[in-house]
C-alpha atoms as a PDB file:
ATOM      1  CA  MET A   1      -5.387   1.078  12.697  1.00  0.00           C
ATOM      2  CA  GLU A   2      -4.393  -0.583   9.452  1.00  0.00           C
ATOM      3  CA  LEU A   3      -7.582   0.555   7.744  1.00  0.00           C
ATOM      4  CA  ALA A   4      -7.381   4.070   9.180  1.00  0.00           C
ATOM      5  CA  ASP A   5      -3.789   4.277   7.967  1.00  0.00           C
ATOM      6  CA  ARG A   6      -4.728   3.027   4.507  1.00  0.00           C
ATOM      7  CA  TYR A   7      -7.425   5.689   4.128  1.00  0.00           C
ATOM      8  CA  GLY A   8      -5.419   8.396   5.880  1.00  0.00           C
ATOM      9  CA  ILE A   9      -8.171   9.120   8.370  1.00  0.00           C
ATOM     10  CA  PRO A  10      -8.122   9.433  12.170  1.00  0.00           C
ATOM     11  CA  HIS A  11      -8.837   6.228  14.074  1.00  0.00           C
ATOM     12  CA  SER A  12     -11.665   7.968  15.911  1.00  0.00           C
ATOM     13  CA  GLN A  13     -13.387   8.733  12.589  1.00  0.00           C
ATOM     14  CA  LEU A  14     -13.059   5.106  11.498  1.00  0.00           C
ATOM     15  CA  MET A  15     -14.715   4.075  14.746  1.00  0.00           C
ATOM     16  CA  GLY A  16     -17.605   6.485  14.118  1.00  0.00           C
ATOM     17  CA  ALA A  17     -16.620   9.128  16.634  1.00  0.00           C
ATOM     18  CA  GLY A  18     -15.309  12.627  16.187  1.00  0.00           C
ATOM     19  CA  GLY A  19     -15.749  14.932  13.258  1.00  0.00           C
ATOM     20  CA  GLY A  20     -12.730  13.813  11.254  1.00  0.00           C
ATOM     21  CA  ARG A  21     -10.258  16.016  13.102  1.00  0.00           C
ATOM     22  CA  TRP A  22      -7.059  14.470  14.375  1.00  0.00           C
ATOM     23  CA  THR A  23      -6.995  14.393  18.171  1.00  0.00           C
ATOM     24  CA  ALA A  24      -3.875  13.936  20.259  1.00  0.00           C
ATOM     25  CA  LEU A  25      -4.937  10.316  20.833  1.00  0.00           C
ATOM     26  CA  ASP A  26      -5.397   9.763  17.068  1.00  0.00           C
ATOM     27  CA  ARG A  27      -1.900  11.118  16.413  1.00  0.00           C
ATOM     28  CA  ALA A  28      -0.404   8.949  19.160  1.00  0.00           C
ATOM     29  CA  LYS A  29      -2.104   5.860  17.736  1.00  0.00           C
ATOM     30  CA  ALA A  30      -0.930   6.695  14.215  1.00  0.00           C
ATOM     31  CA  LEU A  31       2.666   7.188  15.373  1.00  0.00           C
ATOM     32  CA  ALA A  32       2.610   3.950  17.383  1.00  0.00           C
ATOM     33  CA  TYR A  33       1.157   2.043  14.424  1.00  0.00           C
ATOM     34  CA  THR A  34       3.807   3.462  12.083  1.00  0.00           C
ATOM     35  CA  ALA A  35       6.568   2.452  14.501  1.00  0.00           C
ATOM     36  CA  PHE A  36       5.057  -1.037  14.757  1.00  0.00           C
ATOM     37  CA  VAL A  37       4.799  -1.475  10.975  1.00  0.00           C
ATOM     38  CA  ARG A  38       8.386  -0.344  10.437  1.00  0.00           C
ATOM     39  CA  GLN A  39       9.589  -3.196  12.665  1.00  0.00           C
ATOM     40  CA  VAL A  40       7.876  -5.874  10.567  1.00  0.00           C
ATOM     41  CA  CYS A  41      10.203  -7.819   8.278  1.00  0.00           C
ATOM     42  CA  ASP A  42       9.031  -7.516   4.675  1.00  0.00           C
ATOM     43  CA  GLY A  43      10.285 -11.036   3.993  1.00  0.00           C
ATOM     44  CA  CYS A  44       8.552 -13.059   6.704  1.00  0.00           C
ATOM     45  CA  GLY A  45       6.139 -10.624   8.396  1.00  0.00           C
ATOM     46  CA  THR A  46       7.490 -11.068  11.918  1.00  0.00           C
ATOM     47  CA  ARG A  47       9.068  -8.555  14.291  1.00  0.00           C
ATOM     48  CA  PRO A  48      12.390  -8.996  16.115  1.00  0.00           C
ATOM     49  CA  GLN A  49      10.645  -8.854  19.509  1.00  0.00           C
ATOM     50  CA  GLU A  50       8.660 -11.977  18.633  1.00  0.00           C
ATOM     51  CA  TRP A  51      11.927 -13.959  18.539  1.00  0.00           C
ATOM     52  CA  ASP A  52      13.761 -12.183  21.362  1.00  0.00           C
ATOM     53  CA  GLU A  53      13.301 -14.085  24.630  1.00  0.00           C
ATOM     54  CA  GLN A  54      14.538 -11.078  26.638  1.00  0.00           C
ATOM     55  CA  ALA A  55      11.688  -9.021  25.122  1.00  0.00           C
ATOM     56  CA  GLY A  56       9.079 -11.666  25.975  1.00  0.00           C
ATOM     57  CA  GLY A  57       9.357 -13.471  22.652  1.00  0.00           C
ATOM     58  CA  ASP A  58      10.156 -17.070  21.859  1.00  0.00           C
ATOM     59  CA  ARG A  59      13.041 -18.248  19.706  1.00  0.00           C
ATOM     60  CA  PHE A  60      10.737 -20.989  18.437  1.00  0.00           C
ATOM     61  CA  ALA A  61       7.677 -18.758  17.998  1.00  0.00           C
ATOM     62  CA  TYR A  62       7.062 -19.927  14.439  1.00  0.00           C
ATOM     63  CA  ILE A  63       7.627 -22.922  12.241  1.00  0.00           C
ATOM     64  CA  ALA A  64       8.248 -22.727   8.521  1.00  0.00           C
ATOM     65  CA  ALA A  65       5.377 -23.796   6.287  1.00  0.00           C
ATOM     66  CA  THR A  66       5.519 -24.276   2.547  1.00  0.00           C
ATOM     67  CA  HIS A  67       2.824 -22.695   0.441  1.00  0.00           C
ATOM     68  CA  ARG A  68       2.589 -22.658  -3.333  1.00  0.00           C
ATOM     69  CA  CYS A  69       0.771 -19.763  -4.947  1.00  0.00           C
ATOM     70  CA  PRO A  70      -0.307 -20.404  -8.565  1.00  0.00           C
ATOM     71  CA  GLY A  71      -0.053 -16.681  -9.320  1.00  0.00           C
ATOM     72  CA  CYS A  72       3.517 -16.439  -8.029  1.00  0.00           C
ATOM     73  CA  GLU A  73       4.362 -19.619  -9.926  1.00  0.00           C
ATOM     74  CA  LEU A  74       3.101 -18.063 -13.172  1.00  0.00           C
ATOM     75  CA  ILE A  75       5.046 -14.862 -12.533  1.00  0.00           C
ATOM     76  CA  ALA A  76       8.238 -16.857 -11.848  1.00  0.00           C
ATOM     77  CA  ALA A  77       7.792 -18.827 -15.070  1.00  0.00           C
ATOM     78  CA  GLU A  78       7.330 -15.621 -17.080  1.00  0.00           C
ATOM     79  CA  GLN A  79      10.295 -13.999 -15.313  1.00  0.00           C
ATOM     80  CA  GLU A  80      12.513 -16.772 -16.678  1.00  0.00           C
ATOM     81  CA  GLN A  81      11.741 -15.454 -20.190  1.00  0.00           C
ATOM     82  CA  VAL A  82      13.027 -11.942 -19.428  1.00  0.00           C
ATOM     83  CA  PRO A  83      16.453 -11.476 -21.019  1.00  0.00           C
ATOM     84  CA  ASP A  84      19.511 -10.639 -18.937  1.00  0.00           C
ATOM     85  CA  GLY A  85      21.319  -7.368 -19.400  1.00  0.00           C
ATOM     86  CA  ALA A  86      20.012  -4.135 -20.878  1.00  0.00           C
ATOM     87  CA  ASP A  87      17.039  -5.756 -22.631  1.00  0.00           C
ATOM     88  CA  GLY A  88      15.688  -7.039 -19.330  1.00  0.00           C
ATOM     89  CA  ARG A  89      16.217  -3.917 -17.221  1.00  0.00           C
ATOM     90  CA  GLY A  90      12.998  -2.513 -15.830  1.00  0.00           C
ATOM     91  CA  VAL A  91      10.879  -5.434 -17.014  1.00  0.00           C
ATOM     92  CA  ARG A  92       8.293  -6.379 -14.408  1.00  0.00           C
ATOM     93  CA  ILE A  93       5.836  -9.210 -14.583  1.00  0.00           C
ATOM     94  CA  GLY A  94       2.342  -8.770 -13.155  1.00  0.00           C
ATOM     95  CA  LEU A  95      -0.996 -10.548 -13.289  1.00  0.00           C
ATOM     96  CA  THR A  96      -4.031  -9.205 -15.122  1.00  0.00           C
ATOM     97  CA  PRO A  97      -7.467 -10.831 -14.862  1.00  0.00           C
ATOM     98  CA  ARG A  98      -8.377 -12.775 -17.981  1.00  0.00           C
ATOM     99  CA  THR A  99     -11.271 -11.345 -19.944  1.00  0.00           C
ATOM    100  CA  GLU A 100     -13.245 -13.507 -22.310  1.00  0.00           C
END
């Protein structure tokens, strides 16, 4: 469903069936997928139900793991150079592939 959602096509078309028209089942899948995605925390990527024991989850479902990303490290270092106040408003740091 993630790929069908990304391309804005019916799930049945992605799977090689149908003529690209949205069926009732395609719409139901798209709505269910949208509802699922909206529950995912943008900070950690989990859903409340995964932690809720009454919903079949487990309070200890995950453990924290440290990961260092060199790209994020570079962005953070550059972000430190952005001035505070008006001069720094709207400044965003991104990565661009190096060309030689």
